N, C-alpha and C. Protein backbone atom coordinates (compact mmCIF):
# COMPACT_ATOMS: atom_id res chain seq x y z
N MET A 1 -13.37 -17.85 -12.16
CA MET A 1 -12.56 -17.02 -11.26
C MET A 1 -11.22 -17.73 -11.08
N ASN A 2 -10.16 -16.98 -11.24
CA ASN A 2 -8.86 -17.64 -11.11
C ASN A 2 -8.53 -17.91 -9.64
N ARG A 3 -7.52 -18.73 -9.43
CA ARG A 3 -7.17 -19.14 -8.07
C ARG A 3 -6.71 -17.99 -7.20
N LEU A 4 -5.99 -17.03 -7.79
CA LEU A 4 -5.51 -15.90 -6.99
C LEU A 4 -6.66 -15.06 -6.45
N LYS A 5 -7.62 -14.78 -7.32
CA LYS A 5 -8.77 -13.98 -6.87
C LYS A 5 -9.58 -14.76 -5.84
N PHE A 6 -9.76 -16.07 -6.07
CA PHE A 6 -10.48 -16.89 -5.11
C PHE A 6 -9.79 -16.89 -3.76
N ALA A 7 -8.45 -17.06 -3.78
CA ALA A 7 -7.69 -17.05 -2.52
C ALA A 7 -7.83 -15.70 -1.82
N ALA A 8 -7.80 -14.62 -2.60
CA ALA A 8 -7.94 -13.29 -2.01
C ALA A 8 -9.31 -13.12 -1.37
N LEU A 9 -10.36 -13.64 -2.03
CA LEU A 9 -11.71 -13.54 -1.46
C LEU A 9 -11.82 -14.34 -0.16
N ILE A 10 -11.26 -15.54 -0.15
CA ILE A 10 -11.27 -16.37 1.06
C ILE A 10 -10.52 -15.66 2.18
N PHE A 11 -9.34 -15.13 1.83
CA PHE A 11 -8.53 -14.43 2.83
C PHE A 11 -9.29 -13.24 3.40
N ALA A 12 -9.95 -12.48 2.53
CA ALA A 12 -10.69 -11.31 2.99
C ALA A 12 -11.84 -11.73 3.91
N ALA A 13 -12.48 -12.84 3.57
CA ALA A 13 -13.59 -13.32 4.39
C ALA A 13 -13.13 -13.78 5.77
N LEU A 14 -11.92 -14.33 5.82
CA LEU A 14 -11.39 -14.84 7.08
C LEU A 14 -10.59 -13.81 7.87
N ALA A 15 -10.33 -12.66 7.24
CA ALA A 15 -9.50 -11.64 7.88
C ALA A 15 -10.21 -11.05 9.09
N PRO A 16 -9.43 -10.54 10.05
CA PRO A 16 -10.04 -9.87 11.19
C PRO A 16 -10.83 -8.66 10.74
N PRO A 17 -11.69 -8.12 11.58
CA PRO A 17 -12.46 -6.94 11.22
C PRO A 17 -11.56 -5.80 10.78
N ALA A 18 -12.14 -4.86 10.05
CA ALA A 18 -11.37 -3.75 9.48
C ALA A 18 -10.55 -3.02 10.53
N GLY A 19 -11.06 -2.81 11.69
CA GLY A 19 -10.33 -2.09 12.72
C GLY A 19 -9.05 -2.77 13.14
N ALA A 20 -8.99 -4.08 12.97
CA ALA A 20 -7.78 -4.80 13.36
C ALA A 20 -6.68 -4.67 12.31
N ASN A 21 -7.06 -4.40 11.08
CA ASN A 21 -6.09 -4.32 10.00
C ASN A 21 -5.77 -2.89 9.61
N ALA A 22 -6.68 -2.03 9.80
CA ALA A 22 -6.52 -0.67 9.30
C ALA A 22 -6.42 0.29 10.46
N GLU A 23 -6.21 1.52 10.12
CA GLU A 23 -6.05 2.54 11.14
C GLU A 23 -7.39 3.24 11.32
N SER A 24 -8.42 2.49 11.76
CA SER A 24 -9.68 3.13 12.10
C SER A 24 -9.64 3.35 13.60
N LEU A 25 -9.94 4.56 13.98
CA LEU A 25 -9.76 4.94 15.37
C LEU A 25 -11.05 4.85 16.17
N ASP A 26 -10.92 4.40 17.38
CA ASP A 26 -11.98 4.52 18.37
C ASP A 26 -11.54 5.68 19.26
N CYS A 27 -12.11 6.85 19.02
CA CYS A 27 -11.64 8.05 19.72
C CYS A 27 -11.84 7.97 21.23
N ALA A 28 -12.77 7.13 21.66
CA ALA A 28 -12.97 6.97 23.11
C ALA A 28 -11.76 6.27 23.74
N LYS A 29 -11.01 5.53 22.94
CA LYS A 29 -9.84 4.80 23.44
C LYS A 29 -8.52 5.42 22.98
N ALA A 30 -8.57 6.59 22.38
CA ALA A 30 -7.35 7.22 21.85
C ALA A 30 -6.37 7.48 22.99
N SER A 31 -5.14 7.02 22.80
CA SER A 31 -4.13 7.24 23.83
C SER A 31 -2.84 7.83 23.26
N ALA A 32 -2.45 7.41 22.06
CA ALA A 32 -1.23 7.94 21.45
C ALA A 32 -1.47 9.37 20.97
N ARG A 33 -0.40 10.13 20.89
CA ARG A 33 -0.49 11.53 20.46
C ARG A 33 -1.18 11.64 19.10
N ARG A 34 -0.79 10.77 18.16
CA ARG A 34 -1.39 10.78 16.82
C ARG A 34 -2.88 10.55 16.88
N GLU A 35 -3.30 9.59 17.71
CA GLU A 35 -4.72 9.29 17.84
C GLU A 35 -5.49 10.46 18.43
N LYS A 36 -4.96 11.06 19.48
CA LYS A 36 -5.63 12.19 20.11
C LYS A 36 -5.71 13.38 19.15
N LEU A 37 -4.63 13.62 18.42
CA LEU A 37 -4.60 14.72 17.46
C LEU A 37 -5.63 14.47 16.36
N THR A 38 -5.69 13.26 15.86
CA THR A 38 -6.66 12.92 14.82
C THR A 38 -8.08 13.09 15.32
N CYS A 39 -8.35 12.60 16.50
CA CYS A 39 -9.71 12.67 17.04
C CYS A 39 -10.14 14.10 17.38
N SER A 40 -9.19 14.99 17.59
CA SER A 40 -9.54 16.37 17.94
C SER A 40 -9.83 17.23 16.72
N SER A 41 -9.65 16.69 15.53
CA SER A 41 -9.81 17.48 14.31
C SER A 41 -10.71 16.78 13.31
N PRO A 42 -11.82 17.43 12.92
CA PRO A 42 -12.68 16.82 11.89
C PRO A 42 -11.92 16.57 10.58
N GLU A 43 -11.02 17.47 10.20
CA GLU A 43 -10.24 17.30 8.97
C GLU A 43 -9.35 16.05 9.07
N LEU A 44 -8.65 15.91 10.20
CA LEU A 44 -7.78 14.75 10.37
C LEU A 44 -8.58 13.45 10.47
N THR A 45 -9.75 13.52 11.09
CA THR A 45 -10.61 12.34 11.17
C THR A 45 -11.03 11.90 9.78
N LYS A 46 -11.39 12.86 8.92
CA LYS A 46 -11.76 12.53 7.54
C LYS A 46 -10.56 11.96 6.78
N LEU A 47 -9.39 12.58 6.93
CA LEU A 47 -8.20 12.07 6.24
C LEU A 47 -7.86 10.66 6.70
N ASN A 48 -8.05 10.40 7.99
CA ASN A 48 -7.82 9.07 8.53
C ASN A 48 -8.80 8.07 7.91
N ARG A 49 -10.07 8.46 7.81
CA ARG A 49 -11.06 7.58 7.18
C ARG A 49 -10.72 7.32 5.71
N ASP A 50 -10.30 8.37 5.01
CA ASP A 50 -9.91 8.22 3.60
C ASP A 50 -8.75 7.24 3.47
N MET A 51 -7.77 7.38 4.36
CA MET A 51 -6.62 6.48 4.32
C MET A 51 -7.05 5.04 4.62
N THR A 52 -7.92 4.87 5.59
CA THR A 52 -8.41 3.54 5.94
C THR A 52 -9.12 2.91 4.75
N ALA A 53 -9.94 3.69 4.05
CA ALA A 53 -10.65 3.18 2.87
C ALA A 53 -9.64 2.79 1.78
N ALA A 54 -8.62 3.61 1.57
CA ALA A 54 -7.60 3.29 0.57
C ALA A 54 -6.85 2.02 0.96
N TYR A 55 -6.58 1.87 2.24
CA TYR A 55 -5.90 0.66 2.74
C TYR A 55 -6.76 -0.57 2.46
N GLN A 56 -8.06 -0.48 2.73
CA GLN A 56 -8.95 -1.61 2.47
C GLN A 56 -9.03 -1.93 0.98
N ARG A 57 -9.04 -0.89 0.12
CA ARG A 57 -9.03 -1.13 -1.33
C ARG A 57 -7.74 -1.82 -1.75
N ALA A 58 -6.62 -1.37 -1.22
CA ALA A 58 -5.34 -1.98 -1.57
C ALA A 58 -5.30 -3.44 -1.12
N LEU A 59 -5.83 -3.72 0.06
CA LEU A 59 -5.88 -5.12 0.52
C LEU A 59 -6.76 -5.95 -0.40
N ALA A 60 -7.89 -5.39 -0.81
CA ALA A 60 -8.81 -6.13 -1.68
C ALA A 60 -8.18 -6.41 -3.03
N GLN A 61 -7.32 -5.51 -3.50
CA GLN A 61 -6.66 -5.68 -4.80
C GLN A 61 -5.40 -6.52 -4.68
N GLY A 62 -5.02 -6.89 -3.46
CA GLY A 62 -3.78 -7.66 -3.26
C GLY A 62 -3.79 -8.90 -4.13
N ALA A 63 -2.74 -9.10 -4.90
CA ALA A 63 -2.69 -10.21 -5.85
C ALA A 63 -2.50 -11.55 -5.16
N SER A 64 -2.07 -11.54 -3.92
CA SER A 64 -1.84 -12.80 -3.22
C SER A 64 -1.94 -12.56 -1.72
N VAL A 65 -2.11 -13.65 -1.01
CA VAL A 65 -2.14 -13.56 0.44
C VAL A 65 -0.80 -13.01 0.95
N GLY A 66 0.29 -13.43 0.30
CA GLY A 66 1.61 -12.93 0.68
C GLY A 66 1.70 -11.42 0.52
N ARG A 67 1.15 -10.89 -0.57
CA ARG A 67 1.17 -9.43 -0.78
C ARG A 67 0.31 -8.73 0.25
N GLN A 68 -0.78 -9.34 0.63
CA GLN A 68 -1.63 -8.73 1.65
C GLN A 68 -0.90 -8.67 2.99
N ARG A 69 -0.17 -9.72 3.34
CA ARG A 69 0.63 -9.70 4.58
C ARG A 69 1.67 -8.59 4.52
N GLU A 70 2.31 -8.47 3.36
CA GLU A 70 3.33 -7.44 3.17
C GLU A 70 2.71 -6.04 3.32
N LEU A 71 1.53 -5.85 2.77
CA LEU A 71 0.85 -4.57 2.87
C LEU A 71 0.50 -4.24 4.33
N LYS A 72 0.12 -5.25 5.08
CA LYS A 72 -0.18 -5.04 6.51
C LYS A 72 1.08 -4.63 7.26
N ARG A 73 2.21 -5.28 6.94
CA ARG A 73 3.48 -4.90 7.57
C ARG A 73 3.86 -3.47 7.20
N GLU A 74 3.66 -3.11 5.92
CA GLU A 74 3.95 -1.74 5.49
C GLU A 74 3.10 -0.73 6.25
N GLN A 75 1.83 -1.07 6.45
CA GLN A 75 0.92 -0.15 7.15
C GLN A 75 1.36 0.04 8.60
N ARG A 76 1.71 -1.05 9.26
CA ARG A 76 2.19 -0.94 10.64
C ARG A 76 3.47 -0.11 10.70
N ARG A 77 4.37 -0.36 9.76
CA ARG A 77 5.62 0.40 9.71
C ARG A 77 5.34 1.88 9.47
N TRP A 78 4.42 2.16 8.54
CA TRP A 78 4.08 3.54 8.24
C TRP A 78 3.53 4.23 9.50
N LEU A 79 2.64 3.56 10.19
CA LEU A 79 2.06 4.16 11.39
C LEU A 79 3.15 4.49 12.42
N LYS A 80 4.07 3.57 12.59
CA LYS A 80 5.11 3.74 13.60
C LYS A 80 6.14 4.79 13.20
N THR A 81 6.56 4.78 11.95
CA THR A 81 7.68 5.64 11.57
C THR A 81 7.29 6.94 10.91
N ARG A 82 6.10 7.00 10.30
CA ARG A 82 5.73 8.22 9.58
C ARG A 82 4.66 9.00 10.31
N ALA A 83 3.63 8.35 10.77
CA ALA A 83 2.52 9.06 11.40
C ALA A 83 2.78 9.37 12.87
N ASP A 84 3.31 8.41 13.62
CA ASP A 84 3.50 8.61 15.05
C ASP A 84 4.42 9.78 15.40
N PRO A 85 5.50 10.03 14.65
CA PRO A 85 6.36 11.16 15.01
C PRO A 85 5.73 12.54 14.82
N CYS A 86 4.61 12.62 14.11
CA CYS A 86 3.99 13.93 13.86
C CYS A 86 3.50 14.53 15.18
N SER A 87 3.85 15.78 15.38
CA SER A 87 3.44 16.45 16.61
C SER A 87 2.44 17.57 16.35
N ASP A 88 2.10 17.80 15.07
CA ASP A 88 1.11 18.84 14.78
C ASP A 88 0.18 18.38 13.66
N ALA A 89 -0.91 19.10 13.51
CA ALA A 89 -1.95 18.71 12.55
C ALA A 89 -1.44 18.75 11.11
N ALA A 90 -0.61 19.73 10.76
CA ALA A 90 -0.13 19.85 9.39
C ALA A 90 0.73 18.63 9.01
N CYS A 91 1.59 18.22 9.89
CA CYS A 91 2.44 17.05 9.64
C CYS A 91 1.57 15.80 9.47
N LEU A 92 0.61 15.62 10.35
CA LEU A 92 -0.24 14.44 10.30
C LEU A 92 -1.13 14.46 9.06
N ALA A 93 -1.66 15.62 8.70
CA ALA A 93 -2.48 15.73 7.49
C ALA A 93 -1.66 15.33 6.27
N GLY A 94 -0.43 15.83 6.18
CA GLY A 94 0.43 15.47 5.06
C GLY A 94 0.73 13.98 5.03
N ALA A 95 0.97 13.41 6.20
CA ALA A 95 1.26 11.97 6.28
C ALA A 95 0.05 11.15 5.82
N TYR A 96 -1.14 11.51 6.28
CA TYR A 96 -2.35 10.79 5.86
C TYR A 96 -2.57 10.91 4.35
N GLN A 97 -2.42 12.12 3.82
CA GLN A 97 -2.64 12.33 2.39
C GLN A 97 -1.65 11.53 1.56
N GLU A 98 -0.39 11.58 1.94
CA GLU A 98 0.64 10.85 1.20
C GLU A 98 0.39 9.34 1.25
N ARG A 99 0.03 8.82 2.40
CA ARG A 99 -0.22 7.38 2.52
C ARG A 99 -1.45 6.98 1.71
N THR A 100 -2.47 7.81 1.69
CA THR A 100 -3.67 7.50 0.92
C THR A 100 -3.34 7.39 -0.57
N VAL A 101 -2.56 8.33 -1.07
CA VAL A 101 -2.16 8.30 -2.49
C VAL A 101 -1.32 7.06 -2.76
N THR A 102 -0.38 6.74 -1.87
CA THR A 102 0.46 5.55 -2.06
C THR A 102 -0.41 4.29 -2.10
N LEU A 103 -1.36 4.19 -1.20
CA LEU A 103 -2.24 3.01 -1.17
C LEU A 103 -3.09 2.92 -2.43
N ASP A 104 -3.55 4.07 -2.94
CA ASP A 104 -4.32 4.06 -4.18
C ASP A 104 -3.46 3.58 -5.36
N TYR A 105 -2.20 4.03 -5.41
CA TYR A 105 -1.30 3.54 -6.45
C TYR A 105 -1.03 2.05 -6.28
N ASP A 106 -0.89 1.61 -5.05
CA ASP A 106 -0.67 0.19 -4.79
C ASP A 106 -1.84 -0.64 -5.30
N ALA A 107 -3.07 -0.17 -5.07
CA ALA A 107 -4.24 -0.88 -5.57
C ALA A 107 -4.24 -0.92 -7.10
N ARG A 108 -3.90 0.21 -7.74
CA ARG A 108 -3.80 0.24 -9.21
C ARG A 108 -2.75 -0.75 -9.70
N LEU A 109 -1.60 -0.75 -9.05
CA LEU A 109 -0.52 -1.65 -9.43
C LEU A 109 -0.98 -3.10 -9.33
N ASN A 110 -1.60 -3.46 -8.23
CA ASN A 110 -2.04 -4.85 -8.03
C ASN A 110 -3.15 -5.24 -9.00
N GLU A 111 -4.03 -4.30 -9.33
CA GLU A 111 -5.08 -4.58 -10.30
C GLU A 111 -4.46 -4.83 -11.69
N ALA A 112 -3.50 -3.99 -12.07
CA ALA A 112 -2.84 -4.16 -13.36
C ALA A 112 -2.08 -5.49 -13.41
N TYR A 113 -1.39 -5.80 -12.33
CA TYR A 113 -0.65 -7.06 -12.24
C TYR A 113 -1.60 -8.25 -12.41
N ALA A 114 -2.71 -8.24 -11.68
CA ALA A 114 -3.68 -9.35 -11.77
C ALA A 114 -4.27 -9.45 -13.17
N THR A 115 -4.51 -8.31 -13.82
CA THR A 115 -5.04 -8.32 -15.20
C THR A 115 -4.04 -8.97 -16.15
N LEU A 116 -2.77 -8.63 -16.01
CA LEU A 116 -1.76 -9.24 -16.87
C LEU A 116 -1.61 -10.74 -16.61
N ILE A 117 -1.62 -11.13 -15.35
CA ILE A 117 -1.52 -12.55 -15.01
C ILE A 117 -2.70 -13.31 -15.62
N ASP A 118 -3.92 -12.76 -15.49
CA ASP A 118 -5.10 -13.39 -16.10
C ASP A 118 -4.95 -13.48 -17.61
N HIS A 119 -4.46 -12.42 -18.22
CA HIS A 119 -4.27 -12.40 -19.67
C HIS A 119 -3.30 -13.51 -20.10
N PHE A 120 -2.20 -13.64 -19.38
CA PHE A 120 -1.23 -14.67 -19.74
C PHE A 120 -1.79 -16.07 -19.49
N ASP A 121 -2.65 -16.23 -18.47
CA ASP A 121 -3.31 -17.51 -18.23
C ASP A 121 -4.21 -17.87 -19.42
N LYS A 122 -5.01 -16.92 -19.84
CA LYS A 122 -5.97 -17.16 -20.94
C LYS A 122 -5.26 -17.37 -22.27
N GLY A 123 -4.13 -16.71 -22.43
CA GLY A 123 -3.39 -16.84 -23.67
C GLY A 123 -2.41 -17.99 -23.67
N ALA A 124 -2.47 -18.80 -22.64
CA ALA A 124 -1.57 -19.95 -22.52
C ALA A 124 -0.11 -19.53 -22.70
N GLU A 125 0.26 -18.50 -21.98
CA GLU A 125 1.64 -18.02 -22.02
C GLU A 125 2.28 -18.19 -20.65
N PRO A 126 2.51 -19.44 -20.22
CA PRO A 126 3.04 -19.66 -18.87
C PRO A 126 4.43 -19.04 -18.67
N GLY A 127 5.22 -18.97 -19.74
CA GLY A 127 6.54 -18.35 -19.61
C GLY A 127 6.45 -16.88 -19.29
N ARG A 128 5.52 -16.18 -19.93
CA ARG A 128 5.34 -14.75 -19.66
C ARG A 128 4.78 -14.54 -18.25
N LYS A 129 3.87 -15.41 -17.87
CA LYS A 129 3.26 -15.31 -16.54
C LYS A 129 4.32 -15.48 -15.46
N SER A 130 5.13 -16.50 -15.55
CA SER A 130 6.15 -16.73 -14.51
C SER A 130 7.21 -15.64 -14.56
N ALA A 131 7.53 -15.13 -15.75
CA ALA A 131 8.50 -14.03 -15.85
C ALA A 131 7.96 -12.77 -15.19
N LEU A 132 6.67 -12.50 -15.38
CA LEU A 132 6.06 -11.32 -14.74
C LEU A 132 6.05 -11.49 -13.22
N ARG A 133 5.72 -12.67 -12.74
CA ARG A 133 5.73 -12.90 -11.29
C ARG A 133 7.12 -12.64 -10.71
N LEU A 134 8.13 -13.19 -11.35
CA LEU A 134 9.49 -12.99 -10.88
C LEU A 134 9.88 -11.51 -10.95
N ALA A 135 9.53 -10.86 -12.04
CA ALA A 135 9.84 -9.43 -12.19
C ALA A 135 9.17 -8.61 -11.09
N GLN A 136 7.94 -8.94 -10.77
CA GLN A 136 7.22 -8.18 -9.73
C GLN A 136 7.84 -8.41 -8.36
N GLU A 137 8.20 -9.64 -8.06
CA GLU A 137 8.86 -9.92 -6.78
C GLU A 137 10.19 -9.19 -6.69
N ASP A 138 10.96 -9.22 -7.78
CA ASP A 138 12.24 -8.52 -7.80
C ASP A 138 12.05 -7.01 -7.69
N TRP A 139 11.04 -6.49 -8.37
CA TRP A 139 10.77 -5.05 -8.32
C TRP A 139 10.42 -4.63 -6.89
N THR A 140 9.61 -5.42 -6.20
CA THR A 140 9.22 -5.08 -4.83
C THR A 140 10.44 -5.05 -3.92
N ARG A 141 11.30 -6.03 -4.06
CA ARG A 141 12.54 -6.03 -3.26
C ARG A 141 13.40 -4.83 -3.60
N PHE A 142 13.53 -4.51 -4.90
CA PHE A 142 14.30 -3.34 -5.31
C PHE A 142 13.72 -2.06 -4.72
N ARG A 143 12.40 -1.89 -4.85
CA ARG A 143 11.76 -0.67 -4.34
C ARG A 143 12.06 -0.48 -2.86
N ASP A 144 11.85 -1.53 -2.09
CA ASP A 144 12.04 -1.42 -0.65
C ASP A 144 13.50 -1.15 -0.29
N ALA A 145 14.43 -1.86 -0.92
CA ALA A 145 15.85 -1.66 -0.63
C ALA A 145 16.32 -0.29 -1.09
N ASN A 146 15.89 0.13 -2.26
CA ASN A 146 16.28 1.42 -2.80
C ASN A 146 15.77 2.56 -1.91
N CYS A 147 14.55 2.46 -1.46
CA CYS A 147 13.99 3.51 -0.61
C CYS A 147 14.66 3.52 0.76
N ARG A 148 14.98 2.34 1.28
CA ARG A 148 15.73 2.31 2.55
C ARG A 148 17.09 2.99 2.37
N TYR A 149 17.75 2.71 1.26
CA TYR A 149 19.05 3.32 0.99
C TYR A 149 18.93 4.84 0.96
N TYR A 150 18.00 5.38 0.21
CA TYR A 150 17.88 6.83 0.11
C TYR A 150 17.43 7.48 1.41
N SER A 151 16.68 6.76 2.22
CA SER A 151 16.25 7.35 3.50
C SER A 151 17.39 7.41 4.51
N LEU A 152 18.44 6.62 4.32
CA LEU A 152 19.58 6.63 5.25
C LEU A 152 20.29 7.99 5.27
N GLU A 153 20.15 8.74 4.20
CA GLU A 153 20.76 10.07 4.13
C GLU A 153 20.27 10.96 5.28
N TYR A 154 19.09 10.68 5.77
CA TYR A 154 18.46 11.53 6.80
C TYR A 154 18.56 10.95 8.20
N GLN A 155 19.35 9.90 8.38
CA GLN A 155 19.49 9.23 9.67
C GLN A 155 18.13 8.67 10.07
N ALA A 156 17.91 8.55 11.33
CA ALA A 156 16.63 8.03 11.80
C ALA A 156 15.68 9.19 12.05
N GLY A 157 14.43 8.88 12.28
CA GLY A 157 13.48 9.91 12.66
C GLY A 157 12.52 10.27 11.54
N ALA A 158 11.82 11.36 11.76
CA ALA A 158 10.73 11.76 10.88
C ALA A 158 11.21 12.06 9.46
N ARG A 159 12.34 12.72 9.31
CA ARG A 159 12.80 13.07 7.96
C ARG A 159 13.17 11.82 7.17
N ALA A 160 13.76 10.84 7.80
CA ALA A 160 14.08 9.58 7.12
C ALA A 160 12.79 8.88 6.70
N SER A 161 11.81 8.92 7.57
CA SER A 161 10.53 8.29 7.27
C SER A 161 9.83 8.99 6.11
N VAL A 162 9.89 10.30 6.08
CA VAL A 162 9.30 11.06 4.98
C VAL A 162 10.00 10.69 3.67
N ALA A 163 11.33 10.62 3.70
CA ALA A 163 12.10 10.26 2.50
C ALA A 163 11.72 8.86 2.03
N TYR A 164 11.61 7.92 2.95
CA TYR A 164 11.24 6.55 2.59
C TYR A 164 9.83 6.52 1.98
N SER A 165 8.89 7.16 2.65
CA SER A 165 7.50 7.17 2.16
C SER A 165 7.38 7.83 0.80
N SER A 166 8.09 8.92 0.61
CA SER A 166 8.05 9.61 -0.68
C SER A 166 8.64 8.76 -1.79
N CYS A 167 9.70 8.05 -1.49
CA CYS A 167 10.33 7.15 -2.45
C CYS A 167 9.38 6.02 -2.83
N VAL A 168 8.75 5.40 -1.84
CA VAL A 168 7.79 4.32 -2.11
C VAL A 168 6.65 4.85 -2.98
N LEU A 169 6.15 6.03 -2.67
CA LEU A 169 5.07 6.63 -3.46
C LEU A 169 5.50 6.78 -4.92
N GLN A 170 6.65 7.38 -5.15
CA GLN A 170 7.11 7.63 -6.51
C GLN A 170 7.33 6.34 -7.29
N LEU A 171 8.01 5.39 -6.69
CA LEU A 171 8.30 4.14 -7.41
C LEU A 171 7.04 3.31 -7.64
N THR A 172 6.11 3.33 -6.69
CA THR A 172 4.86 2.59 -6.85
C THR A 172 4.02 3.20 -7.97
N LYS A 173 3.98 4.53 -8.02
CA LYS A 173 3.26 5.20 -9.12
C LYS A 173 3.87 4.82 -10.46
N GLU A 174 5.19 4.87 -10.56
CA GLU A 174 5.87 4.53 -11.82
C GLU A 174 5.59 3.09 -12.23
N ARG A 175 5.61 2.17 -11.27
CA ARG A 175 5.36 0.76 -11.59
C ARG A 175 3.91 0.55 -12.00
N ALA A 176 2.96 1.21 -11.33
CA ALA A 176 1.55 1.10 -11.72
C ALA A 176 1.37 1.61 -13.14
N ASP A 177 1.97 2.76 -13.47
CA ASP A 177 1.88 3.30 -14.83
C ASP A 177 2.48 2.32 -15.84
N GLU A 178 3.62 1.74 -15.49
CA GLU A 178 4.31 0.79 -16.37
C GLU A 178 3.44 -0.44 -16.66
N LEU A 179 2.85 -1.02 -15.61
CA LEU A 179 2.02 -2.20 -15.81
C LEU A 179 0.74 -1.87 -16.57
N GLU A 180 0.17 -0.70 -16.31
CA GLU A 180 -1.03 -0.29 -17.05
C GLU A 180 -0.71 -0.10 -18.54
N ALA A 181 0.46 0.45 -18.84
CA ALA A 181 0.88 0.59 -20.25
C ALA A 181 1.08 -0.78 -20.87
N GLU A 182 1.60 -1.73 -20.12
CA GLU A 182 1.79 -3.09 -20.62
C GLU A 182 0.44 -3.74 -20.92
N ILE A 183 -0.56 -3.46 -20.12
CA ILE A 183 -1.92 -3.98 -20.40
C ILE A 183 -2.36 -3.46 -21.76
N GLY A 184 -2.14 -2.16 -22.00
CA GLY A 184 -2.52 -1.59 -23.30
C GLY A 184 -1.82 -2.28 -24.45
N ARG A 185 -0.54 -2.59 -24.30
CA ARG A 185 0.21 -3.28 -25.36
C ARG A 185 -0.29 -4.72 -25.53
N GLN A 186 -0.55 -5.40 -24.44
CA GLN A 186 -0.95 -6.82 -24.52
C GLN A 186 -2.38 -7.00 -25.03
N LEU A 187 -3.26 -6.09 -24.68
CA LEU A 187 -4.66 -6.28 -25.03
C LEU A 187 -5.05 -5.64 -26.36
N ASP A 188 -4.12 -4.95 -26.99
CA ASP A 188 -4.40 -4.36 -28.31
C ASP A 188 -4.25 -5.36 -29.41
């Protein structure tokens, strides 16, 4: 087992319970509008559970403890800026569905990244490994900055948050596809 996977397993074992990291609701304690709306609808409750499961999968696939921290910050930001402004079930359902898909792509991206890193370790290609690490760090910074830039067109509020979330979804999907294609090239 490589060091990154070992570190991820240790981190997961030491992490707080799922409810502390994810958006699993205790409906008896629901106080925010989003929480009350979710708890009042079986469909929204299911979408929330699906999103929580996707979040846990993405955390488990996190290539590093640093990436896991970043994912937790993203989740908190998403809850505050994308889900909380929703005032009706349709808005919240769309927000949950979009976040679930984004988290699934994030897990795919991290799995592909870890596969490539392992491949370069086994092939004794330290130059390729360090280049990929740098490229991934640069890509993450680019994605976040680029999406912030495009969301500024909508000022603050729900529309800016939707623009940011949609941008992150699209770029994460493209990067996951790109890394998966690279696995095909490297392992052939």
